[in-house]
Protein backbone atom coordinates (compact mmCIF):
# COMPACT_ATOMS: atom_id res chain seq x y z
CA MET A 1 0.00 0.00 0.00
CA SER A 2 1.42 3.42 -0.95
CA SER A 3 2.00 6.13 1.64
CA GLU A 4 -0.80 8.27 0.18
CA LYS A 5 -3.28 5.44 0.51
CA SER A 6 -2.11 4.82 4.06
CA LEU A 7 -2.75 8.43 4.97
CA GLU A 8 -6.13 8.44 3.26
CA ASN A 9 -7.20 5.34 5.19
CA GLY A 10 -5.90 6.93 8.37
CA SER A 11 -7.71 10.21 7.98
CA SER A 12 -11.24 8.83 7.79
CA GLY A 13 -12.49 12.29 6.96
CA GLN A 14 -10.67 13.97 9.86
CA ASP A 15 -8.68 17.20 9.50
CA ASN A 16 -5.49 15.52 10.65
CA PRO A 17 -4.24 13.07 8.01
CA PHE A 18 -2.49 11.05 10.73
CA SER A 19 -5.62 10.44 12.82
CA GLY A 20 -5.68 6.81 11.65
CA PHE A 21 -2.61 6.18 13.82
CA ASP A 22 -4.33 7.59 16.93
CA GLY A 23 -5.17 4.57 19.09
CA ARG A 24 -7.01 6.75 21.62
CA LYS A 25 -9.97 6.69 19.26
CA GLY A 26 -11.82 3.41 19.50
CA SER A 27 -12.32 1.17 16.48
CA THR A 28 -14.82 -1.65 16.03
CA ILE A 29 -12.88 -4.87 15.52
CA ALA A 30 -14.76 -8.18 15.52
CA ASP A 31 -17.81 -6.41 17.03
CA GLN A 32 -15.71 -4.99 19.91
CA GLN A 33 -14.48 -1.49 20.64
CA VAL A 34 -10.67 -1.53 20.64
CA VAL A 35 -8.55 1.28 22.12
CA THR A 36 -4.80 0.68 21.68
CA VAL A 37 -3.49 3.62 23.71
CA LEU A 38 -4.98 5.73 26.53
CA ASP A 39 -3.18 9.06 25.98
CA LEU A 40 -0.22 10.53 24.12
CA GLU A 41 2.10 10.05 27.10
CA ASP A 42 1.31 6.34 26.92
CA ALA A 43 1.98 6.23 23.17
CA ASP A 44 5.16 6.36 21.15
CA GLU A 45 6.61 9.87 20.80
CA ALA A 46 6.00 9.67 17.04
CA LEU A 47 2.23 9.75 17.59
CA GLY A 48 2.46 13.01 19.55
CA PHE A 49 4.59 14.55 16.78
CA LEU A 50 2.15 13.51 14.03
CA GLU A 51 -1.05 14.36 15.91
CA ASN A 52 0.00 17.73 17.33
CA HIS A 53 1.92 19.14 14.39
CA PRO A 54 0.45 22.52 13.31
CA ARG A 55 1.14 21.75 9.63
CA ALA A 56 -0.01 18.13 9.68
CA VAL A 57 -1.60 18.23 6.21
CA GLN A 58 1.41 19.85 4.61
CA ILE A 59 4.03 17.54 6.16
CA ALA A 60 1.86 14.51 5.34
CA GLU A 61 1.95 15.53 1.68
CA GLU A 62 5.71 16.15 1.84
CA GLY A 63 6.35 12.77 3.47
CA ALA A 64 4.11 10.96 0.99
CA ALA A 65 5.87 12.66 -1.94
CA ILE A 66 9.23 11.37 -0.69
CA LEU A 67 8.03 7.80 -0.19
CA ASP A 68 6.18 7.66 -3.52
CA ASP A 69 9.30 8.70 -5.45
CA PRO A 70 11.99 5.96 -5.45
CA LYS A 71 14.76 8.51 -6.05
CA LEU A 72 13.69 10.68 -3.12
CA THR A 73 13.31 7.60 -0.92
CA ARG A 74 16.86 6.49 -1.74
CA LYS A 75 18.06 10.03 -1.08
CA LEU A 76 16.36 9.98 2.33
CA LEU A 77 17.90 6.61 3.21
CA TRP A 78 21.30 7.89 2.15
CA LYS A 79 20.83 10.95 4.38
CA ILE A 80 19.88 8.71 7.30
CA ASP A 81 22.94 6.54 6.70
CA LEU A 82 25.28 9.53 6.55
CA THR A 83 23.77 11.02 9.70
CA ILE A 84 23.67 7.86 11.79
CA THR A 85 26.18 5.27 10.58
CA PRO A 86 29.54 7.16 10.76
CA LEU A 87 28.89 8.26 14.34
CA LEU A 88 27.73 4.82 15.47
CA ALA A 89 30.77 3.27 13.82
CA ALA A 90 33.15 5.75 15.49
CA VAL A 91 31.54 5.13 18.89
CA TYR A 92 31.75 1.35 18.61
CA PHE A 93 35.31 1.52 17.24
CA LEU A 94 36.44 3.51 20.27
CA GLN A 95 34.43 1.48 22.76
CA PHE A 96 36.07 -1.75 21.73
CA LEU A 97 39.49 -0.14 21.36
CA ASP A 98 39.23 1.53 24.78
CA LYS A 99 38.26 -1.61 26.66
CA THR A 100 40.92 -3.73 24.89
CA THR A 101 43.77 -1.27 25.40
CA LEU A 102 44.77 -3.49 28.31
CA SER A 103 45.43 -6.33 25.87
CA TYR A 104 47.78 -4.15 23.76
CA THR A 105 49.58 -2.61 26.72
CA ALA A 106 50.06 -6.08 28.26
CA VAL A 107 52.94 -6.59 25.82
CA MET A 108 54.11 -2.95 26.04
CA GLY A 109 55.28 -3.05 29.65
CA ILE A 110 52.22 -2.24 31.79
CA ARG A 111 52.42 -5.50 33.71
CA THR A 112 56.00 -4.82 34.78
CA GLU A 113 55.63 -1.10 35.61
CA THR A 114 52.47 -1.54 37.67
CA HIS A 115 53.75 -4.72 39.35
CA LEU A 116 51.01 -7.07 38.20
CA VAL A 117 51.47 -10.64 39.42
CA GLY A 118 49.49 -13.88 39.31
CA GLN A 119 45.84 -13.30 38.46
CA ASP A 120 46.12 -9.48 38.66
CA TYR A 121 45.95 -9.08 34.87
CA SER A 122 42.93 -11.38 34.54
CA ASN A 123 41.24 -9.58 37.42
CA LEU A 124 41.73 -6.20 35.73
CA SER A 125 40.07 -7.64 32.63
CA MET A 126 37.23 -8.85 34.84
CA LEU A 127 36.78 -5.57 36.74
CA PHE A 128 35.82 -3.75 33.54
CA TYR A 129 32.82 -6.07 33.25
CA ILE A 130 32.00 -5.78 36.96
CA GLY A 131 31.51 -2.04 36.47
CA PHE A 132 29.68 -2.72 33.21
CA LEU A 133 27.36 -5.20 34.94
CA ALA A 134 26.59 -2.93 37.92
CA ALA A 135 25.68 0.06 35.73
CA GLU A 136 23.72 -1.61 32.92
CA PHE A 137 20.16 -1.32 34.23
CA PRO A 138 20.53 2.14 35.83
CA THR A 139 22.16 3.65 32.76
CA GLN A 140 19.53 2.27 30.36
CA TYR A 141 16.61 3.53 32.42
CA LEU A 142 18.30 6.92 32.82
CA ALA A 143 18.72 7.12 29.04
CA GLN A 144 15.04 6.21 28.53
CA HIS A 145 13.82 8.77 31.05
CA SER A 146 15.89 11.55 29.50
CA SER A 147 14.72 10.59 25.96
CA ARG A 148 17.86 12.48 24.80
CA ILE A 149 19.80 9.33 24.03
CA GLY A 150 22.23 11.02 21.62
CA LEU A 151 23.29 13.59 24.21
CA TYR A 152 23.32 10.98 26.99
CA LEU A 153 25.59 8.73 24.93
CA GLY A 154 27.95 11.58 24.06
CA VAL A 155 28.40 12.66 27.69
CA ASN A 156 29.21 9.08 28.73
CA ILE A 157 31.81 8.86 25.95
CA ILE A 158 33.55 12.05 27.09
CA ILE A 159 33.68 10.78 30.68
CA TRP A 160 35.12 7.39 29.75
CA GLY A 161 37.69 9.06 27.49
CA LEU A 162 38.87 11.05 30.51
CA ILE A 163 39.02 7.87 32.58
CA LEU A 164 41.02 6.12 29.87
CA GLY A 165 43.57 8.92 29.89
CA CYS A 166 43.85 8.52 33.68
CA HIS A 167 45.21 4.98 33.12
CA ALA A 168 48.49 6.66 32.13
CA ALA A 169 48.92 7.97 35.69
CA CYS A 170 48.55 4.54 37.31
CA THR A 171 51.55 2.99 39.06
CA SER A 172 49.88 0.09 40.85
CA TYR A 173 47.23 -2.60 40.59
CA ALA A 174 44.86 -0.55 42.79
CA GLY A 175 44.91 2.47 40.47
CA LEU A 176 44.31 0.34 37.40
CA ALA A 177 41.49 -1.52 39.18
CA ILE A 178 39.63 1.75 39.88
CA CYS A 179 40.09 3.00 36.32
CA ARG A 180 39.03 -0.30 34.73
CA THR A 181 35.89 -0.51 36.88
CA LEU A 182 34.84 3.07 36.08
CA LEU A 183 35.56 2.49 32.40
CA GLY A 184 33.05 -0.38 32.45
CA VAL A 185 30.44 1.81 34.19
CA PHE A 186 30.48 4.50 31.52
CA GLU A 187 30.83 2.18 28.52
CA SER A 188 27.82 0.09 29.56
CA CYS A 189 25.28 2.34 27.82
CA VAL A 190 26.69 1.97 24.30
CA ALA A 191 25.39 -1.22 22.65
CA PRO A 192 21.76 -0.98 23.90
CA ILE A 193 21.49 2.64 22.76
CA LEU A 194 22.92 1.79 19.34
CA VAL A 195 20.40 -1.06 18.97
CA LEU A 196 17.53 1.31 19.86
CA ILE A 197 18.74 3.83 17.27
CA ILE A 198 18.94 1.18 14.52
CA ALA A 199 15.42 -0.05 15.37
CA MET A 200 14.04 3.54 15.16
CA TRP A 201 15.47 4.42 11.77
CA TYR A 202 15.56 1.22 9.70
CA LYS A 203 13.25 -1.47 8.37
CA LYS A 204 13.75 -5.00 9.68
CA ASN A 205 15.35 -6.13 6.42
CA GLU A 206 17.87 -3.26 6.68
CA GLN A 207 18.86 -3.70 10.31
CA GLY A 208 21.33 -6.58 9.99
CA ARG A 209 23.57 -4.66 7.60
CA ARG A 210 23.36 -1.45 9.63
CA VAL A 211 24.31 -3.23 12.84
CA SER A 212 27.21 -4.82 10.94
CA PHE A 213 28.35 -1.36 9.79
CA PHE A 214 29.11 -0.32 13.37
CA TYR A 215 29.92 -3.76 14.80
CA VAL A 216 32.60 -4.32 12.18
CA CYS A 217 34.58 -1.70 14.07
CA ASN A 218 35.32 -4.35 16.70
CA SER A 219 37.42 -6.09 14.07
CA LEU A 220 38.77 -2.88 12.58
CA THR A 221 39.97 -2.01 16.07
CA GLN A 222 42.15 -5.11 15.99
CA ILE A 223 43.67 -3.89 12.74
CA PHE A 224 44.25 -0.23 13.58
CA GLY A 225 44.58 -0.65 17.35
CA GLY A 226 47.31 -3.21 16.91
CA LEU A 227 49.10 -1.06 14.35
CA ILE A 228 48.81 2.06 16.53
CA ALA A 229 50.12 0.14 19.55
CA TYR A 230 52.90 -1.29 17.37
CA GLY A 231 53.92 2.24 16.39
CA PHE A 232 53.83 3.51 19.96
CA SER A 233 55.95 0.55 21.09
CA PHE A 234 58.93 2.22 19.35
CA VAL A 235 58.47 5.55 21.17
CA HIS A 236 61.20 6.40 23.66
CA SER A 237 60.57 9.37 25.94
CA ARG A 238 60.17 10.35 29.58
CA LEU A 239 56.78 8.62 29.50
CA THR A 240 56.79 4.94 28.55
CA SER A 241 55.03 3.94 25.35
CA TRP A 242 51.96 2.40 27.01
CA ARG A 243 51.28 5.61 28.97
CA ILE A 244 51.45 7.74 25.80
CA PHE A 245 49.16 5.22 24.11
CA TYR A 246 46.50 5.68 26.83
CA ILE A 247 46.71 9.49 26.67
CA PHE A 248 46.36 9.50 22.88
CA ILE A 249 43.37 7.11 22.78
CA GLY A 250 41.67 8.90 25.71
CA GLY A 251 41.92 12.27 23.97
CA LEU A 252 40.60 10.85 20.70
CA THR A 253 37.64 9.33 22.58
CA MET A 254 36.71 12.68 24.15
CA ILE A 255 36.70 14.37 20.74
CA ILE A 256 34.33 11.74 19.32
CA GLY A 257 32.12 12.10 22.41
CA LEU A 258 31.76 15.81 21.74
CA MET A 259 30.81 15.10 18.11
CA VAL A 260 28.14 12.63 19.23
CA CYS A 261 26.67 15.25 21.59
CA LEU A 262 26.46 17.75 18.75
CA PHE A 263 25.42 15.65 15.76
CA LEU A 264 23.73 12.32 16.73
CA PRO A 265 19.92 12.74 16.66
CA ASP A 266 17.95 11.33 19.58
CA SER A 267 15.22 9.95 17.32
CA PRO A 268 13.58 10.66 13.91
CA VAL A 269 11.21 13.10 15.64
CA LYS A 270 14.09 15.10 17.16
CA ALA A 271 16.47 15.01 14.18
CA LYS A 272 17.41 18.69 13.65
CA ARG A 273 19.06 18.14 10.26
CA PHE A 274 15.84 16.68 8.80
CA THR A 275 12.83 18.65 7.58
CA ASP A 276 9.46 17.78 9.08
CA GLY A 277 8.49 16.14 5.78
CA GLU A 278 11.60 13.96 5.96
CA LYS A 279 10.80 13.08 9.56
CA VAL A 280 7.32 11.92 8.48
CA ALA A 281 8.80 9.88 5.63
CA ALA A 282 11.35 8.32 8.02
CA LEU A 283 8.56 7.35 10.43
CA LEU A 284 6.18 6.01 7.77
CA ARG A 285 8.81 3.93 5.99
CA THR A 286 9.41 1.92 9.19
CA LYS A 287 5.86 1.77 10.56
CA ASP A 288 5.46 -1.84 9.41
CA ASN A 289 8.15 -2.75 11.94
CA GLN A 290 5.36 -2.22 14.51
CA SER A 291 7.99 -1.21 17.09
CA GLY A 292 7.86 2.62 16.99
CA THR A 293 10.63 4.95 18.16
CA GLN A 294 10.69 5.72 21.90
CA ASN A 295 8.63 6.53 24.99
CA LYS A 296 10.23 8.07 28.09
CA THR A 297 7.70 6.54 30.52
CA LEU A 298 8.98 3.42 32.26
CA LYS A 299 6.10 0.92 31.99
CA LYS A 300 5.99 -1.76 34.68
CA ASP A 301 3.77 -4.06 32.67
CA GLN A 302 6.30 -4.13 29.84
CA ILE A 303 9.15 -4.85 32.26
CA LEU A 304 7.16 -7.74 33.78
CA GLU A 305 6.41 -9.09 30.32
CA THR A 306 10.11 -9.04 29.53
CA PHE A 307 10.87 -11.32 32.47
CA LYS A 308 8.01 -13.64 31.47
CA ASP A 309 9.09 -13.93 27.83
CA PHE A 310 10.94 -17.20 27.27
CA ARG A 311 12.62 -15.77 24.16
CA VAL A 312 14.41 -13.18 26.28
CA TYR A 313 16.01 -15.96 28.34
CA LEU A 314 17.11 -17.70 25.16
CA ILE A 315 18.69 -14.44 23.96
CA CYS A 316 20.47 -14.06 27.31
CA ILE A 317 21.78 -17.63 27.25
CA ALA A 318 22.96 -17.18 23.67
CA THR A 319 24.69 -13.92 24.58
CA LEU A 320 26.34 -15.51 27.62
CA LEU A 321 27.67 -18.41 25.57
CA SER A 322 29.03 -16.12 22.84
CA SER A 323 30.63 -13.76 25.39
CA ILE A 324 32.67 -16.29 27.35
CA PRO A 325 35.11 -16.79 24.42
CA ASN A 326 35.13 -13.01 23.89
CA GLY A 327 36.18 -12.36 27.49
CA GLY A 328 39.14 -14.62 27.03
CA LEU A 329 40.26 -13.81 23.51
CA SER A 330 39.78 -10.04 23.65
CA ASN A 331 42.20 -9.84 26.58
CA PHE A 332 44.55 -12.74 25.84
CA SER A 333 44.85 -12.74 22.03
CA SER A 334 48.18 -10.85 22.05
CA ILE A 335 49.49 -12.98 24.90
CA LEU A 336 48.49 -16.19 23.10
CA LEU A 337 50.48 -15.15 20.06
CA THR A 338 53.58 -14.75 22.22
CA THR A 339 53.02 -18.28 23.58
CA PHE A 340 52.96 -19.53 19.98
CA GLY A 341 56.55 -18.36 19.59
CA TYR A 342 56.13 -14.81 18.27
CA THR A 343 57.73 -11.68 19.78
CA SER A 344 55.69 -9.01 21.57
CA GLN A 345 55.96 -6.62 18.60
CA GLN A 346 55.01 -9.39 16.16
CA ALA A 347 51.98 -10.16 18.34
CA LEU A 348 50.80 -6.56 18.00
CA LEU A 349 51.41 -6.63 14.25
CA TYR A 350 49.59 -9.93 13.66
CA SER A 351 46.45 -8.66 15.36
CA ALA A 352 45.81 -6.72 12.14
CA PRO A 353 45.10 -9.71 9.81
CA GLN A 354 43.08 -11.31 12.61
CA GLY A 355 40.94 -8.19 12.67
CA ALA A 356 40.63 -8.27 8.86
CA VAL A 357 39.21 -11.79 9.02
CA GLY A 358 36.70 -10.69 11.66
CA ALA A 359 35.72 -7.59 9.66
CA PHE A 360 35.08 -9.62 6.51
CA CYS A 361 32.94 -12.07 8.48
CA VAL A 362 30.86 -9.32 10.14
CA ILE A 363 30.08 -7.54 6.86
CA LEU A 364 29.33 -10.85 5.11
CA VAL A 365 26.91 -12.17 7.72
CA GLY A 366 25.25 -8.77 8.14
CA TYR A 367 24.58 -8.67 4.40
CA LEU A 368 23.42 -12.30 4.22
CA SER A 369 21.13 -11.98 7.25
CA ASP A 370 19.21 -9.16 5.52
CA LYS A 371 19.31 -10.71 2.06
CA TRP A 372 18.07 -14.09 3.28
CA ARG A 373 15.96 -12.48 6.06
CA ASP A 374 17.41 -15.11 8.34
CA ARG A 375 19.54 -14.29 11.40
CA SER A 376 19.84 -17.73 13.00
CA LEU A 377 21.07 -19.72 10.00
CA VAL A 378 23.75 -17.12 9.24
CA MET A 379 25.07 -17.32 12.81
CA PHE A 380 26.52 -20.73 12.08
CA ILE A 381 28.74 -19.20 9.38
CA CYS A 382 30.63 -17.22 12.03
CA ILE A 383 30.58 -19.75 14.88
CA LEU A 384 31.93 -22.89 13.20
CA PRO A 385 35.32 -21.44 12.03
CA THR A 386 36.12 -20.33 15.59
CA ILE A 387 35.33 -23.79 16.95
CA LEU A 388 37.76 -25.15 14.34
CA GLY A 389 40.38 -22.52 15.29
CA ALA A 390 40.17 -23.33 19.00
CA GLY A 391 40.43 -27.02 18.20
CA LEU A 392 43.64 -26.35 16.24
CA MET A 393 45.05 -24.36 19.17
CA VAL A 394 44.46 -27.34 21.47
CA GLY A 395 45.89 -29.83 18.99
CA LEU A 396 48.94 -27.80 17.95
CA ASP A 397 49.76 -26.29 21.38
CA PRO A 398 48.27 -28.49 24.11
CA ASN A 399 50.81 -27.71 26.85
CA GLY A 400 52.51 -24.45 25.87
CA ILE A 401 55.01 -26.04 23.50
CA PRO A 402 53.92 -24.99 19.97
CA LYS A 403 54.17 -27.70 17.35
CA ASN A 404 53.40 -25.56 14.30
CA LYS A 405 53.75 -21.74 14.46
CA ALA A 406 52.11 -21.14 11.08
CA GLY A 407 49.19 -23.43 11.91
CA LEU A 408 48.66 -21.71 15.25
CA LEU A 409 48.75 -18.30 13.58
CA ALA A 410 46.05 -19.50 11.14
CA ALA A 411 44.02 -20.80 14.10
CA SER A 412 44.33 -17.37 15.74
CA PHE A 413 42.95 -15.74 12.59
CA LEU A 414 39.99 -18.14 12.54
CA SER A 415 39.19 -17.30 16.15
CA GLY A 416 38.16 -13.79 15.04
CA THR A 417 34.98 -14.91 13.23
CA PHE A 418 32.71 -15.73 16.19
CA GLY A 419 32.23 -12.06 17.19
CA ALA A 420 29.74 -11.65 14.37
CA ALA A 421 27.36 -13.96 16.27
CA PHE A 422 26.89 -11.35 19.00
CA MET A 423 26.35 -8.73 16.28
CA LEU A 424 23.48 -10.84 14.94
CA LEU A 425 22.05 -11.17 18.45
CA LEU A 426 21.94 -7.36 18.64
CA ALA A 427 20.19 -7.30 15.26
CA TRP A 428 17.86 -10.03 16.56
CA ASN A 429 16.80 -7.75 19.45
CA ALA A 430 16.27 -4.80 17.09
CA SER A 431 13.98 -6.88 14.87
CA ASN A 432 12.14 -9.02 17.43
CA ILE A 433 11.25 -6.84 20.41
CA ALA A 434 8.61 -4.07 20.60
CA GLY A 435 7.43 -1.75 23.37
CA HIS A 436 10.06 0.77 24.42
CA SER A 437 10.34 -0.28 28.07
CA LYS A 438 10.54 -3.90 26.95
CA LYS A 439 13.23 -3.05 24.39
CA VAL A 440 15.26 -1.17 27.00
CA THR A 441 14.92 -4.01 29.54
CA THR A 442 15.72 -6.72 27.00
CA ASN A 443 18.77 -4.85 25.75
CA ALA A 444 19.93 -4.33 29.35
CA LEU A 445 19.49 -8.04 30.14
CA THR A 446 21.37 -8.91 26.97
CA LEU A 447 24.29 -6.70 27.95
CA VAL A 448 24.21 -8.04 31.53
CA SER A 449 24.60 -11.50 30.01
CA PHE A 450 27.39 -10.11 27.85
CA ALA A 451 29.18 -8.78 30.94
CA VAL A 452 28.73 -12.00 32.93
CA GLY A 453 30.00 -14.03 29.98
CA ASN A 454 33.05 -11.82 29.62
CA ILE A 455 33.76 -12.01 33.36
CA LEU A 456 33.66 -15.79 33.17
CA GLY A 457 35.76 -15.69 30.00
CA THR A 458 38.60 -13.76 31.65
CA GLN A 459 38.80 -16.46 34.29
CA THR A 460 39.00 -19.36 31.83
CA PHE A 461 42.57 -18.27 31.08
CA GLN A 462 44.40 -19.10 34.30
CA ALA A 463 47.92 -17.83 35.02
CA THR A 464 48.76 -21.21 36.56
CA GLN A 465 48.18 -22.82 33.12
CA ALA A 466 50.46 -20.45 31.21
CA PRO A 467 51.72 -20.71 28.54
CA GLY A 468 49.32 -23.45 27.37
CA TYR A 469 46.06 -21.94 28.74
CA ILE A 470 44.32 -25.23 27.94
CA SER A 471 41.11 -24.50 29.90
CA GLY A 472 40.62 -21.21 28.02
CA LYS A 473 40.91 -22.93 24.65
CA ILE A 474 38.59 -25.81 25.59
CA SER A 475 36.00 -23.36 26.97
CA ILE A 476 35.78 -21.70 23.53
CA ILE A 477 34.89 -25.04 21.89
CA ALA A 478 32.37 -25.99 24.59
CA THR A 479 30.48 -22.68 24.79
CA LEU A 480 30.21 -22.10 21.04
CA SER A 481 29.05 -25.68 20.48
CA ALA A 482 26.30 -25.18 23.07
CA LEU A 483 25.38 -21.88 21.40
CA CYS A 484 24.47 -23.74 18.20
CA PHE A 485 21.65 -25.58 20.00
CA VAL A 486 20.30 -22.39 21.59
CA ILE A 487 20.16 -20.71 18.17
CA VAL A 488 17.98 -23.54 16.85
CA ALA A 489 15.62 -23.12 19.84
CA MET A 490 15.35 -19.35 19.20
CA ARG A 491 14.45 -19.98 15.57
CA VAL A 492 11.79 -22.59 16.33
CA TYR A 493 10.16 -20.44 19.02
CA ASN A 494 9.87 -17.37 16.78
CA ASP A 495 8.34 -19.47 14.01
CA GLN A 496 5.72 -20.73 16.48
CA LEU A 497 4.84 -17.16 17.51
CA ASN A 498 4.41 -16.11 13.86
CA LYS A 499 2.03 -19.02 13.29
CA LYS A 500 0.05 -18.01 16.40
CA ASN A 501 -0.28 -14.38 15.18
CA LYS A 502 -1.29 -15.51 11.71
CA LYS A 503 -4.04 -17.66 13.19
CA SER A 504 -5.30 -14.73 15.31
CA LEU A 505 -5.62 -12.56 12.20
CA GLU A 506 -7.74 -15.13 10.34
CA GLY A 507 -10.90 -13.96 12.14
CA MET A 508 -10.55 -10.32 10.99
CA GLY A 509 -11.71 -8.72 7.78
CA GLU A 510 -9.16 -6.95 5.56
CA GLU A 511 -10.49 -3.49 6.45
CA GLU A 512 -10.40 -4.30 10.18
CA LYS A 513 -6.83 -5.50 9.86
CA GLU A 514 -5.76 -2.34 8.07
CA ILE A 515 -7.41 -0.04 10.64
CA LEU A 516 -6.02 -1.87 13.66
CA LYS A 517 -2.55 -2.24 12.15
CA GLU A 518 -2.29 1.54 11.68
CA LYS A 519 -3.37 2.15 15.28
CA MET A 520 -0.84 -0.33 16.64
CA ALA A 521 2.10 1.19 14.74
CA TYR A 522 2.79 3.95 17.31
CA ALA A 523 0.87 2.64 20.32
CA ASP A 524 4.08 1.56 22.11
CA GLN A 525 2.63 -1.91 22.62
CA THR A 526 4.88 -4.93 23.13
CA ASP A 527 5.43 -7.53 20.41
CA ARG A 528 3.44 -10.14 22.38
CA LYS A 529 0.40 -7.83 22.48
CA ASN A 530 0.52 -6.99 18.78
CA VAL A 531 -0.83 -9.63 16.41
CA PHE A 532 0.66 -7.70 13.47
CA PHE A 533 4.21 -8.07 14.75
CA VAL A 534 6.29 -10.38 12.55
CA TYR A 535 9.24 -12.12 14.20
CA THR A 536 12.41 -12.70 12.20
CA HIS A 537 14.34 -15.93 12.54
């Protein structure tokens, strides 16, 4: 149905062409009066924008003109991409780089200068996720209440950039422990906010690629971060190279944080660089997602539904299983390369091709997940190579005595593919959860699982097992193998829910369906209360 027809059906003779979206007005569905929203505060913010706009007729015509012209629609999508994607990519690049700086500096002298012994290094890796875990729910609900998620994100980035720079002043384990914990606190808001932004601006069949556009920066970090660290390792000055590295990365982070504050829109409704007609077009092109934009009211019923939804637990288990290997490899990848017989500087250099493999995998699976409209099947493409890589590490270096340096290097490269699985889990949340409070809670639970998994992952690599780290390598195989079964369960469950919704719609006439579907688009209802919601698998 074209945008013009949608607006005509919505108007029903009213002055406001968007009145069809207003769920406060009852509709007769199956001989019953249905009201989908009580007031505008209860609804998605998009409904308030459309209903209260003084030039509603004019902006409706402008939005319809954009959507009915393929060239203008492509131009709008390109504008959205240029506004959103570069900033999200920069944020994610720096987030991953900032939290993995410890891995680079581990071979640049930080362990010696700060007197780290035994499990101190692993504990520092863990403390980041302790802070992350403690702050996840508070920071997400604060972001929702403010409804200024772009500004909120930017301020957090500036603060963690400052904290990162403070690492350079540390001379002991205690100082590093404080900095690492605070770094986790202020980085905890990033991924959930980025998922919310993607869900606001893009159709479901566009979300996988857009998530991959920023998530690929995890892998690009390995390329450029390793090269930057490699360059700094040759610096000789009053400050040691690892301290200069922290100051440089911290300053860069604060600059990007300021840019996010100034240029990242909070939502389509609040996008200053877009005309009101473009805002309408952006909202209407994604209305079939049936997930809206945002609502600053924290709804208890949606939070309770989140904890009753079995799919959310499957997502959390899947995230946990994919994060345990990440906790180990993100902090021990450089160290592992030195145990394979490579020098510290070679370890930094070889992180670049490992990152290139990961980047290729992320872009590939992001593209395929949208093209095939299938998230779960594509996850296997990125999980299986890492299982193979970990198996090779065990076989070629079972006790810290490498049997084949080249083979172990290849295994290290393969271990970079599994990260794309978590990227697809983020895309899964963007496509499969509706109701803003439910989205916020689900994303927070997902990132709590991510933090717990990473905490466990840092402890799978035990100092007492160096240089073989056999338990860490075996844990990668075990957790990713278990993840394969959880993915199948997620797919089957979503298919069952789609069949249930399809059956519920069979009793409605076509006109009733069209009327109710429009009213549900911006009602801020959860996916389980919306029979028009289509789950992706």
